[in-house]
Amino acid sequence: MSGVTISALIKKMNLELLTKEINTDKIKLYHPDVNRPALQLAGYYEHFDRERVQLIGVVEYTYMQRMTEEQRMENYEKLLSSEIPCIIFSTNNKPGETFLKIASKYKVPVMLSEKKTSPLMAEIIRWLNVELAPTISIHGVLVDVYVKVCLLLERAALERARQRWSL
């Protein structure tokens, strides 16, 4: 599977990259789903899928604001050191400097969106499902025969089509 770069996600979703020192062309997404890391910010990491885009909505953001500085540092370190591909803040809720410094330390791109959380999440999932859909490449010839389209795949049939229509 080829994956989708974070740069493509940024461009398609019109996101603002807050960690400009991180090269987003080299980081790829291979999973079409999105995770809202509320449980991880509370310390629960069992069954956590690290391959997903992480999306911080209003609930997660306000929870982070209520933590003490010591709790924030500990939770940010644990989340951002878990090899996640990226993290997006929705509803124009900007992360603090502490969060951005730790994200830079672990080379996790942090983006910002003006969109509300649920519509943004749905749009990302829909787009990633299309971009990451399995594909197959085959060689053949399409021929229109009395308004019916035929795909010729056999070598003998392909040779006959070439001779008949001078292909």
Foldseek 3Di string as FASTA:
>chain_A
DDFDFVVVVCVVQVKAWPQVVFDRRPFGAQDLAEAACQVLLVPDCVPPDQRHEYEHAPVSLVVLVPDDPVSNLVSLLRNLQPNHQEYEYELQRDDDPSSSVSNVVSSHIYIYYNHHDPVSRVVSSVVRCVVNPDDDDADFDWDQDPNDIDTDHDPVVRVVVCVVVVD
